[in-house]
Amino acid sequence: MNRVASGFAASFAAAFPAANPMPPVLWQTLLWLEGNGFVRHGEQGPIARLHPGMEPGSSLVSLRAPRVEETRAWTGSDQTGVTDRLVLFVDTGVDGSQAGIWLDERGHQRLVHVGAPKGPGLLCELADDPVHLLRLLALGYPELSAPAYFGMTAADAHAMGYGPAGSYVPPVRFRAHVERDLDLDVPGTASVIVRRTASVHDADSEDRFWRWLAGVRRVAG
């Protein structure tokens, strides 16, 4: 993969719909990732990881510009009134799971996750403010699609299913950016941020995003 010299942050922001624009705090982070060599060319275009390279033992999570086709695939709808409300731009797991921004009925942007059915199928609101995405990323979990690990530290989660103890590589520089440049605290575990979860496998849920997505899927047929 080749390093992307410039334009990543701008193209990323331009891919968001006008009705659901990219949160300003994300702009600062994208510029930082781009300026520090964290952006590379992937199979589907430029991506940013939490490390400059593909270090063994590092997080598999990556960010890339959203594509409306992916929202259509999750919602089953091509209506802009639906697709504008869900913008997915974080690859959280190797199973195809994603996180992004959902615009609720009151026009408030919330951090949400859609999980591939072949995995844990995490499908819910993660936090009520997109800024918490940066705190979650800074934790450095191998993947962000496995809620069973959210009560563990990232290092313990890595040892449970991703490699031997001692092989975990934390996102030291990215975490420093979040804490120093953005003045955000990074907790010990994801469970501090994500208090309740739901799954695509659930028959029903009180989670507002779960219920919205179930509703649009029913309408789409």
Foldseek 3Di string as FASTA:
>chain_A
DDFDQDDFLVQQQVLADPLAGDDPVVSVLVVVQNVVQQWDQDPVGIKGALDNDDAQQFAPKIWHRWDLVVQCVLQVDPDCVRSNQWTWTMQFDPLRKTWDWGQDPVRFTFIFIADDPVPQAWGFTQARHPLVVLLQSQQGANGPRDVVCQVDRSQVNCCVPPDPRPRHDGSVVSNCCCCPVVVDDRDRGSCVRGVDIDGPPDPDDPGPRVVVSVVSNVVSD
